[in-house]
Amino acid sequence: MSTDITISDYLELNNIAYEWASSYDTKDWTRLRRCLAPSIKLDFRSLRGSLHERLSPEAFVAILSDVKLLGDKRMKTQHLLGGARWERASDGTVQAWHQIRVAHQRYVSEDLAVVANKGHAHGVTRHWYRKVDGAWMLEGVAPELGWSEYDLFGTLNPREEKEEKEEKEGS
């Protein structure tokens, strides 16, 4: 693989990474759809989720915007991208590994006055990009959790964590 990427391609790819992160945090699903390739891979196995090999942009957005994940108006996030390693896999395809810190905070109600739970993730998110009709688009996302602070999984899915805790206490 080559790191030979033109500056104009690099800037366009970097802008897509920014749009991806910012659209998650602002819950702007229309903005997210605009940067997605016609078929997109989502690998959430590092976050106790599933691997989805070929999702439509609509299916991808449906997963992320679900109230159990980022779509909950009581959930606030910041996907902060750090340094990245870029590799051109072939003409029209690029992979990147972005350092990432994601702060998650879930509130008791939509007035966002009282924090119910928080959990922060640190690691790398791998992105695949493909040029489609002359424009770069995001073709895959695979976060790789390095470590977390506080109660990441309880914040991401409070019902599941509560049920697991109740089962343990009942045993």
N, C-alpha and C. Protein backbone atom coordinates (compact mmCIF):
# COMPACT_ATOMS: atom_id res chain seq x y z
N MET A 1 0.83 -1.18 0.00
CA MET A 1 0.00 0.00 0.00
C MET A 1 0.87 1.24 0.00
N SER A 2 0.37 2.28 -0.56
CA SER A 2 1.13 3.50 -0.74
C SER A 2 0.54 4.63 0.10
N THR A 3 1.40 5.52 0.53
CA THR A 3 0.92 6.72 1.22
C THR A 3 0.88 7.89 0.25
N ASP A 4 1.03 7.63 -1.03
CA ASP A 4 1.04 8.67 -2.05
C ASP A 4 -0.39 9.14 -2.35
N ILE A 5 -0.80 10.19 -1.66
CA ILE A 5 -2.14 10.77 -1.83
C ILE A 5 -1.93 12.24 -2.18
N THR A 6 -2.61 12.72 -3.18
CA THR A 6 -2.47 14.13 -3.54
C THR A 6 -3.01 15.00 -2.41
N ILE A 7 -2.52 16.21 -2.34
CA ILE A 7 -2.98 17.13 -1.28
C ILE A 7 -4.47 17.41 -1.43
N SER A 8 -4.97 17.53 -2.66
CA SER A 8 -6.40 17.80 -2.84
C SER A 8 -7.23 16.60 -2.39
N ASP A 9 -6.77 15.37 -2.67
CA ASP A 9 -7.48 14.18 -2.17
C ASP A 9 -7.42 14.12 -0.65
N TYR A 10 -6.24 14.39 -0.10
CA TYR A 10 -6.09 14.38 1.35
C TYR A 10 -7.06 15.35 2.02
N LEU A 11 -7.14 16.56 1.49
CA LEU A 11 -8.04 17.55 2.08
C LEU A 11 -9.50 17.12 1.97
N GLU A 12 -9.88 16.56 0.82
CA GLU A 12 -11.25 16.09 0.66
C GLU A 12 -11.55 14.93 1.63
N LEU A 13 -10.62 14.00 1.76
CA LEU A 13 -10.79 12.87 2.69
C LEU A 13 -10.87 13.36 4.13
N ASN A 14 -10.00 14.30 4.48
CA ASN A 14 -10.02 14.85 5.83
C ASN A 14 -11.35 15.56 6.11
N ASN A 15 -11.89 16.25 5.12
CA ASN A 15 -13.19 16.91 5.28
C ASN A 15 -14.30 15.89 5.50
N ILE A 16 -14.23 14.76 4.83
CA ILE A 16 -15.24 13.71 5.03
C ILE A 16 -15.14 13.15 6.45
N ALA A 17 -13.92 12.94 6.93
CA ALA A 17 -13.76 12.46 8.31
C ALA A 17 -14.37 13.46 9.29
N TYR A 18 -14.17 14.74 9.05
CA TYR A 18 -14.75 15.77 9.91
C TYR A 18 -16.28 15.73 9.83
N GLU A 19 -16.82 15.64 8.63
CA GLU A 19 -18.28 15.60 8.46
C GLU A 19 -18.87 14.38 9.16
N TRP A 20 -18.18 13.25 9.06
CA TRP A 20 -18.63 12.03 9.74
C TRP A 20 -18.73 12.28 11.24
N ALA A 21 -17.65 12.75 11.85
CA ALA A 21 -17.62 12.96 13.29
C ALA A 21 -18.63 14.01 13.73
N SER A 22 -18.65 15.12 13.04
CA SER A 22 -19.55 16.21 13.42
C SER A 22 -21.02 15.83 13.23
N SER A 23 -21.32 15.06 12.19
CA SER A 23 -22.73 14.67 11.98
C SER A 23 -23.21 13.74 13.09
N TYR A 24 -22.34 12.88 13.60
CA TYR A 24 -22.70 12.04 14.75
C TYR A 24 -23.05 12.92 15.95
N ASP A 25 -22.18 13.90 16.23
CA ASP A 25 -22.33 14.72 17.42
C ASP A 25 -23.52 15.67 17.35
N THR A 26 -23.84 16.13 16.17
CA THR A 26 -24.97 17.05 16.01
C THR A 26 -26.27 16.31 15.66
N LYS A 27 -26.16 14.99 15.47
CA LYS A 27 -27.30 14.15 15.09
C LYS A 27 -27.92 14.64 13.77
N ASP A 28 -27.05 15.09 12.88
CA ASP A 28 -27.48 15.57 11.57
C ASP A 28 -27.35 14.42 10.58
N TRP A 29 -28.40 13.62 10.50
CA TRP A 29 -28.37 12.38 9.72
C TRP A 29 -28.38 12.65 8.22
N THR A 30 -28.95 13.76 7.79
CA THR A 30 -28.91 14.14 6.37
C THR A 30 -27.47 14.44 5.97
N ARG A 31 -26.77 15.15 6.81
CA ARG A 31 -25.36 15.48 6.57
C ARG A 31 -24.52 14.21 6.51
N LEU A 32 -24.80 13.25 7.39
CA LEU A 32 -24.07 11.99 7.38
C LEU A 32 -24.31 11.24 6.07
N ARG A 33 -25.56 11.16 5.64
CA ARG A 33 -25.89 10.44 4.39
C ARG A 33 -25.10 10.98 3.20
N ARG A 34 -24.88 12.31 3.18
CA ARG A 34 -24.20 12.93 2.04
C ARG A 34 -22.76 12.45 1.88
N CYS A 35 -22.13 11.95 2.95
CA CYS A 35 -20.73 11.53 2.81
C CYS A 35 -20.58 10.01 2.72
N LEU A 36 -21.69 9.29 2.66
CA LEU A 36 -21.63 7.83 2.61
C LEU A 36 -21.66 7.29 1.19
N ALA A 37 -20.85 6.26 0.96
CA ALA A 37 -20.84 5.56 -0.33
C ALA A 37 -22.15 4.77 -0.47
N PRO A 38 -22.47 4.33 -1.68
CA PRO A 38 -23.71 3.57 -1.89
C PRO A 38 -23.79 2.27 -1.08
N SER A 39 -22.65 1.68 -0.76
CA SER A 39 -22.60 0.49 0.09
C SER A 39 -21.53 0.75 1.15
N ILE A 40 -21.88 0.54 2.42
CA ILE A 40 -20.97 0.89 3.51
C ILE A 40 -20.89 -0.23 4.53
N LYS A 41 -19.67 -0.45 5.02
CA LYS A 41 -19.40 -1.47 6.03
C LYS A 41 -19.40 -0.80 7.40
N LEU A 42 -20.01 -1.46 8.39
CA LEU A 42 -19.99 -0.98 9.77
C LEU A 42 -19.59 -2.14 10.66
N ASP A 43 -18.47 -1.98 11.34
CA ASP A 43 -17.95 -3.04 12.21
C ASP A 43 -17.90 -2.53 13.64
N PHE A 44 -18.93 -2.88 14.42
CA PHE A 44 -19.03 -2.46 15.82
C PHE A 44 -18.62 -3.56 16.79
N ARG A 45 -17.92 -4.60 16.31
CA ARG A 45 -17.57 -5.72 17.18
C ARG A 45 -16.71 -5.29 18.37
N SER A 46 -15.85 -4.29 18.19
CA SER A 46 -15.01 -3.82 19.29
C SER A 46 -15.84 -3.15 20.39
N LEU A 47 -17.05 -2.73 20.03
CA LEU A 47 -17.95 -2.07 20.98
C LEU A 47 -19.12 -2.97 21.36
N ARG A 48 -18.90 -4.28 21.31
CA ARG A 48 -19.91 -5.28 21.65
C ARG A 48 -21.10 -5.26 20.68
N GLY A 49 -20.82 -4.84 19.47
CA GLY A 49 -21.87 -4.78 18.45
C GLY A 49 -21.64 -5.80 17.37
N SER A 50 -22.22 -5.54 16.22
CA SER A 50 -22.20 -6.48 15.11
C SER A 50 -21.36 -5.97 13.95
N LEU A 51 -21.06 -6.89 13.05
CA LEU A 51 -20.42 -6.57 11.78
C LEU A 51 -21.50 -6.55 10.71
N HIS A 52 -21.57 -5.45 9.98
CA HIS A 52 -22.49 -5.30 8.85
C HIS A 52 -21.64 -5.05 7.62
N GLU A 53 -21.60 -6.02 6.71
CA GLU A 53 -20.70 -5.93 5.55
C GLU A 53 -21.16 -4.94 4.48
N ARG A 54 -22.43 -4.94 4.14
CA ARG A 54 -22.92 -4.10 3.04
C ARG A 54 -24.24 -3.45 3.43
N LEU A 55 -24.15 -2.24 3.95
CA LEU A 55 -25.35 -1.50 4.32
C LEU A 55 -25.60 -0.40 3.30
N SER A 56 -26.85 -0.10 3.08
CA SER A 56 -27.18 1.10 2.31
C SER A 56 -26.95 2.29 3.23
N PRO A 57 -26.80 3.48 2.68
CA PRO A 57 -26.68 4.65 3.55
C PRO A 57 -27.86 4.77 4.52
N GLU A 58 -29.06 4.44 4.05
CA GLU A 58 -30.25 4.52 4.92
C GLU A 58 -30.15 3.54 6.08
N ALA A 59 -29.70 2.32 5.82
CA ALA A 59 -29.57 1.31 6.88
C ALA A 59 -28.46 1.71 7.86
N PHE A 60 -27.36 2.25 7.34
CA PHE A 60 -26.27 2.72 8.20
C PHE A 60 -26.77 3.80 9.15
N VAL A 61 -27.45 4.79 8.60
CA VAL A 61 -27.98 5.89 9.41
C VAL A 61 -29.01 5.38 10.40
N ALA A 62 -29.83 4.41 10.00
CA ALA A 62 -30.84 3.86 10.92
C ALA A 62 -30.18 3.25 12.16
N ILE A 63 -29.06 2.58 11.98
CA ILE A 63 -28.35 1.98 13.12
C ILE A 63 -27.83 3.07 14.05
N LEU A 64 -27.16 4.07 13.48
CA LEU A 64 -26.55 5.11 14.31
C LEU A 64 -27.58 6.03 14.95
N SER A 65 -28.67 6.30 14.26
CA SER A 65 -29.66 7.26 14.76
C SER A 65 -30.70 6.62 15.67
N ASP A 66 -30.59 5.32 15.90
CA ASP A 66 -31.52 4.63 16.80
C ASP A 66 -31.42 5.25 18.20
N VAL A 67 -32.55 5.33 18.90
CA VAL A 67 -32.55 5.94 20.23
C VAL A 67 -31.70 5.14 21.22
N LYS A 68 -31.41 3.89 20.91
CA LYS A 68 -30.55 3.10 21.78
C LYS A 68 -29.09 3.49 21.62
N LEU A 69 -28.78 4.24 20.60
CA LEU A 69 -27.39 4.62 20.36
C LEU A 69 -27.28 6.15 20.37
N LEU A 70 -27.00 6.76 19.23
CA LEU A 70 -26.77 8.20 19.19
C LEU A 70 -28.02 9.02 18.99
N GLY A 71 -29.12 8.40 18.59
CA GLY A 71 -30.34 9.13 18.29
C GLY A 71 -31.11 9.62 19.50
N ASP A 72 -30.76 9.15 20.66
CA ASP A 72 -31.42 9.58 21.90
C ASP A 72 -31.10 11.05 22.15
N LYS A 73 -32.12 11.88 22.26
CA LYS A 73 -31.90 13.31 22.49
C LYS A 73 -31.23 13.57 23.83
N ARG A 74 -31.24 12.57 24.71
CA ARG A 74 -30.59 12.71 26.01
C ARG A 74 -29.11 12.32 25.96
N MET A 75 -28.63 11.86 24.81
CA MET A 75 -27.23 11.46 24.64
C MET A 75 -26.45 12.56 23.93
N LYS A 76 -25.38 13.00 24.55
CA LYS A 76 -24.47 13.97 23.94
C LYS A 76 -23.13 13.28 23.74
N THR A 77 -22.49 13.57 22.61
CA THR A 77 -21.20 12.98 22.29
C THR A 77 -20.27 14.02 21.70
N GLN A 78 -18.98 13.71 21.75
CA GLN A 78 -17.99 14.44 20.97
C GLN A 78 -17.00 13.43 20.44
N HIS A 79 -16.99 13.27 19.13
CA HIS A 79 -16.05 12.39 18.44
C HIS A 79 -14.85 13.26 18.02
N LEU A 80 -13.80 13.20 18.81
CA LEU A 80 -12.63 14.04 18.58
C LEU A 80 -11.55 13.23 17.87
N LEU A 81 -11.25 13.63 16.63
CA LEU A 81 -10.24 12.93 15.84
C LEU A 81 -8.87 13.57 16.07
N GLY A 82 -7.87 12.71 16.25
CA GLY A 82 -6.49 13.18 16.42
C GLY A 82 -5.71 12.91 15.16
N GLY A 83 -4.51 12.43 15.32
CA GLY A 83 -3.66 12.12 14.17
C GLY A 83 -4.23 10.95 13.38
N ALA A 84 -3.78 10.83 12.15
CA ALA A 84 -4.27 9.75 11.29
C ALA A 84 -3.14 9.20 10.45
N ARG A 85 -3.28 7.92 10.12
CA ARG A 85 -2.38 7.26 9.17
C ARG A 85 -3.21 6.97 7.92
N TRP A 86 -2.72 7.39 6.79
CA TRP A 86 -3.44 7.26 5.52
C TRP A 86 -2.70 6.31 4.59
N GLU A 87 -3.45 5.47 3.90
CA GLU A 87 -2.85 4.58 2.90
C GLU A 87 -3.76 4.51 1.68
N ARG A 88 -3.16 4.72 0.52
CA ARG A 88 -3.90 4.55 -0.73
C ARG A 88 -3.82 3.06 -1.06
N ALA A 89 -4.96 2.39 -1.05
CA ALA A 89 -5.00 0.96 -1.34
C ALA A 89 -4.92 0.72 -2.85
N SER A 90 -5.56 1.59 -3.62
CA SER A 90 -5.53 1.53 -5.08
C SER A 90 -6.06 2.86 -5.58
N ASP A 91 -6.07 3.03 -6.89
CA ASP A 91 -6.67 4.25 -7.41
C ASP A 91 -8.14 4.25 -7.01
N GLY A 92 -8.53 5.29 -6.33
CA GLY A 92 -9.94 5.42 -5.95
C GLY A 92 -10.30 4.78 -4.62
N THR A 93 -9.33 4.22 -3.89
CA THR A 93 -9.62 3.69 -2.55
C THR A 93 -8.50 4.07 -1.58
N VAL A 94 -8.90 4.49 -0.40
CA VAL A 94 -7.97 4.89 0.64
C VAL A 94 -8.48 4.35 1.97
N GLN A 95 -7.54 3.96 2.82
CA GLN A 95 -7.87 3.57 4.19
C GLN A 95 -7.19 4.56 5.12
N ALA A 96 -7.83 4.81 6.25
CA ALA A 96 -7.23 5.68 7.26
C ALA A 96 -7.51 5.11 8.64
N TRP A 97 -6.56 5.31 9.52
CA TRP A 97 -6.71 4.95 10.93
C TRP A 97 -6.63 6.27 11.69
N HIS A 98 -7.75 6.70 12.24
CA HIS A 98 -7.83 7.97 12.96
C HIS A 98 -7.76 7.71 14.47
N GLN A 99 -6.85 8.37 15.17
CA GLN A 99 -6.92 8.35 16.62
C GLN A 99 -8.24 9.01 17.01
N ILE A 100 -8.90 8.47 18.04
CA ILE A 100 -10.20 9.02 18.40
C ILE A 100 -10.43 8.95 19.90
N ARG A 101 -11.06 9.97 20.41
CA ARG A 101 -11.58 9.99 21.77
C ARG A 101 -13.04 10.39 21.64
N VAL A 102 -13.91 9.59 22.21
CA VAL A 102 -15.34 9.89 22.13
C VAL A 102 -15.89 10.02 23.55
N ALA A 103 -16.33 11.22 23.86
CA ALA A 103 -17.00 11.46 25.13
C ALA A 103 -18.49 11.18 24.92
N HIS A 104 -19.07 10.39 25.84
CA HIS A 104 -20.50 10.09 25.79
C HIS A 104 -21.10 10.51 27.13
N GLN A 105 -22.20 11.21 27.08
CA GLN A 105 -22.88 11.59 28.31
C GLN A 105 -24.38 11.49 28.08
N ARG A 106 -25.02 10.69 28.89
CA ARG A 106 -26.48 10.52 28.79
C ARG A 106 -27.12 11.24 29.97
N TYR A 107 -28.17 11.98 29.67
CA TYR A 107 -28.87 12.76 30.67
C TYR A 107 -30.17 12.08 31.08
N VAL A 108 -30.68 12.49 32.23
CA VAL A 108 -31.92 11.92 32.77
C VAL A 108 -33.11 12.31 31.88
N SER A 109 -33.14 13.56 31.41
CA SER A 109 -34.25 14.02 30.57
C SER A 109 -33.72 14.93 29.47
N GLU A 110 -34.59 15.29 28.55
CA GLU A 110 -34.19 16.10 27.40
C GLU A 110 -33.83 17.54 27.76
N ASP A 111 -34.08 17.97 29.00
CA ASP A 111 -33.65 19.32 29.38
C ASP A 111 -32.14 19.38 29.66
N LEU A 112 -31.49 18.21 29.67
CA LEU A 112 -30.03 18.07 29.81
C LEU A 112 -29.49 18.72 31.09
N ALA A 113 -30.29 18.70 32.14
CA ALA A 113 -29.88 19.33 33.40
C ALA A 113 -29.12 18.37 34.32
N VAL A 114 -29.48 17.09 34.31
CA VAL A 114 -28.89 16.13 35.23
C VAL A 114 -28.28 14.97 34.44
N VAL A 115 -27.00 14.69 34.69
CA VAL A 115 -26.31 13.60 34.01
C VAL A 115 -26.72 12.28 34.64
N ALA A 116 -27.14 11.34 33.80
CA ALA A 116 -27.51 10.00 34.27
C ALA A 116 -26.29 9.08 34.26
N ASN A 117 -25.47 9.21 33.23
CA ASN A 117 -24.34 8.30 33.06
C ASN A 117 -23.37 8.89 32.05
N LYS A 118 -22.10 8.54 32.20
CA LYS A 118 -21.11 8.96 31.22
C LYS A 118 -20.11 7.84 31.00
N GLY A 119 -19.56 7.83 29.82
CA GLY A 119 -18.54 6.85 29.47
C GLY A 119 -17.78 7.34 28.26
N HIS A 120 -16.48 7.28 28.34
CA HIS A 120 -15.64 7.81 27.27
C HIS A 120 -14.79 6.70 26.66
N ALA A 121 -14.63 6.73 25.35
CA ALA A 121 -13.87 5.71 24.63
C ALA A 121 -12.61 6.33 24.03
N HIS A 122 -11.54 5.54 24.05
CA HIS A 122 -10.27 5.96 23.47
C HIS A 122 -9.79 4.84 22.56
N GLY A 123 -9.32 5.19 21.39
CA GLY A 123 -8.81 4.17 20.50
C GLY A 123 -8.54 4.72 19.12
N VAL A 124 -8.86 3.90 18.14
CA VAL A 124 -8.65 4.22 16.73
C VAL A 124 -9.92 3.86 15.99
N THR A 125 -10.29 4.67 15.02
CA THR A 125 -11.38 4.27 14.14
C THR A 125 -10.81 4.14 12.74
N ARG A 126 -11.05 2.98 12.16
CA ARG A 126 -10.57 2.70 10.81
C ARG A 126 -11.67 3.10 9.84
N HIS A 127 -11.29 3.86 8.83
CA HIS A 127 -12.23 4.29 7.78
C HIS A 127 -11.73 3.80 6.43
N TRP A 128 -12.67 3.41 5.61
CA TRP A 128 -12.41 3.10 4.21
C TRP A 128 -13.11 4.17 3.38
N TYR A 129 -12.41 4.67 2.38
CA TYR A 129 -12.95 5.70 1.50
C TYR A 129 -12.86 5.20 0.06
N ARG A 130 -13.84 5.59 -0.73
CA ARG A 130 -13.87 5.21 -2.14
C ARG A 130 -14.31 6.42 -2.95
N LYS A 131 -13.69 6.58 -4.12
CA LYS A 131 -14.10 7.64 -5.03
C LYS A 131 -15.29 7.13 -5.84
N VAL A 132 -16.40 7.84 -5.74
CA VAL A 132 -17.63 7.46 -6.44
C VAL A 132 -18.04 8.64 -7.32
N ASP A 133 -18.10 8.40 -8.61
CA ASP A 133 -18.45 9.46 -9.56
C ASP A 133 -17.61 10.72 -9.35
N GLY A 134 -16.32 10.51 -9.10
CA GLY A 134 -15.37 11.63 -8.98
C GLY A 134 -15.29 12.27 -7.60
N ALA A 135 -16.08 11.79 -6.63
CA ALA A 135 -16.05 12.38 -5.29
C ALA A 135 -15.75 11.31 -4.25
N TRP A 136 -14.93 11.68 -3.27
CA TRP A 136 -14.62 10.75 -2.19
C TRP A 136 -15.82 10.56 -1.28
N MET A 137 -16.03 9.31 -0.85
CA MET A 137 -17.13 8.99 0.06
C MET A 137 -16.63 7.98 1.09
N LEU A 138 -17.27 7.98 2.23
CA LEU A 138 -16.95 7.03 3.29
C LEU A 138 -17.58 5.69 2.97
N GLU A 139 -16.75 4.64 2.94
CA GLU A 139 -17.23 3.31 2.56
C GLU A 139 -17.20 2.30 3.71
N GLY A 140 -16.59 2.67 4.83
CA GLY A 140 -16.56 1.75 5.95
C GLY A 140 -16.06 2.41 7.22
N VAL A 141 -16.57 1.92 8.36
CA VAL A 141 -16.18 2.44 9.67
C VAL A 141 -16.01 1.25 10.61
N ALA A 142 -14.86 1.21 11.30
CA ALA A 142 -14.62 0.15 12.27
C ALA A 142 -13.86 0.74 13.47
N PRO A 143 -14.59 1.13 14.52
CA PRO A 143 -13.89 1.61 15.70
C PRO A 143 -13.15 0.47 16.40
N GLU A 144 -11.99 0.77 16.93
CA GLU A 144 -11.20 -0.22 17.67
C GLU A 144 -10.96 0.37 19.06
N LEU A 145 -11.71 -0.11 20.04
CA LEU A 145 -11.62 0.41 21.39
C LEU A 145 -10.30 0.00 22.02
N GLY A 146 -9.55 0.99 22.49
CA GLY A 146 -8.31 0.73 23.20
C GLY A 146 -8.58 0.60 24.69
N TRP A 147 -9.29 1.59 25.23
CA TRP A 147 -9.68 1.58 26.64
C TRP A 147 -10.80 2.58 26.84
N SER A 148 -11.42 2.52 27.99
CA SER A 148 -12.54 3.43 28.26
C SER A 148 -12.46 3.96 29.68
N GLU A 149 -13.18 5.04 29.88
CA GLU A 149 -13.30 5.65 31.20
C GLU A 149 -14.77 5.60 31.62
N TYR A 150 -14.97 5.54 32.92
CA TYR A 150 -16.31 5.55 33.51
C TYR A 150 -17.09 4.34 33.03
N ASP A 151 -18.34 4.51 32.68
CA ASP A 151 -19.21 3.39 32.34
C ASP A 151 -19.63 3.48 30.87
N LEU A 152 -18.68 3.22 29.97
CA LEU A 152 -18.94 3.36 28.54
C LEU A 152 -20.13 2.51 28.09
N PHE A 153 -20.12 1.22 28.40
CA PHE A 153 -21.17 0.34 27.88
C PHE A 153 -22.51 0.58 28.55
N GLY A 154 -22.50 0.99 29.80
CA GLY A 154 -23.75 1.37 30.46
C GLY A 154 -24.33 2.64 29.89
N THR A 155 -23.47 3.53 29.41
CA THR A 155 -23.92 4.77 28.79
C THR A 155 -24.45 4.51 27.38
N LEU A 156 -23.76 3.64 26.64
CA LEU A 156 -24.19 3.32 25.28
C LEU A 156 -25.50 2.55 25.26
N ASN A 157 -25.68 1.66 26.22
CA ASN A 157 -26.89 0.85 26.25
C ASN A 157 -27.31 0.62 27.70
N PRO A 158 -27.90 1.63 28.32
CA PRO A 158 -28.20 1.54 29.75
C PRO A 158 -29.17 0.43 30.11
N ARG A 159 -30.09 0.10 29.24
CA ARG A 159 -31.06 -0.97 29.54
C ARG A 159 -30.34 -2.31 29.64
N GLU A 160 -29.45 -2.59 28.70
CA GLU A 160 -28.73 -3.86 28.68
C GLU A 160 -27.85 -4.00 29.92
N GLU A 161 -27.10 -2.94 30.27
CA GLU A 161 -26.24 -2.99 31.44
C GLU A 161 -27.06 -3.16 32.71
N LYS A 162 -28.20 -2.50 32.81
CA LYS A 162 -29.05 -2.61 33.99
C LYS A 162 -29.57 -4.04 34.12
N GLU A 163 -29.98 -4.65 33.01
CA GLU A 163 -30.47 -6.02 33.03
C GLU A 163 -29.37 -6.99 33.45
N GLU A 164 -28.13 -6.79 32.93
CA GLU A 164 -27.00 -7.65 33.31
C GLU A 164 -26.71 -7.51 34.80
N LYS A 165 -26.74 -6.30 35.32
CA LYS A 165 -26.47 -6.06 36.73
C LYS A 165 -27.54 -6.73 37.60
N GLU A 166 -28.80 -6.61 37.19
CA GLU A 166 -29.89 -7.21 37.95
C GLU A 166 -29.78 -8.74 37.95
N GLU A 167 -29.37 -9.31 36.81
CA GLU A 167 -29.19 -10.76 36.73
C GLU A 167 -28.08 -11.22 37.67
N LYS A 168 -26.97 -10.50 37.73
CA LYS A 168 -25.85 -10.84 38.60
C LYS A 168 -26.26 -10.75 40.07
N GLU A 169 -27.00 -9.69 40.40
CA GLU A 169 -27.42 -9.49 41.78
C GLU A 169 -28.44 -10.54 42.20
N GLY A 170 -29.24 -11.04 41.25
CA GLY A 170 -30.26 -12.05 41.54
C GLY A 170 -29.69 -13.44 41.71
N SER A 171 -28.45 -13.65 41.23
CA SER A 171 -27.84 -14.98 41.29
C SER A 171 -27.26 -15.28 42.65
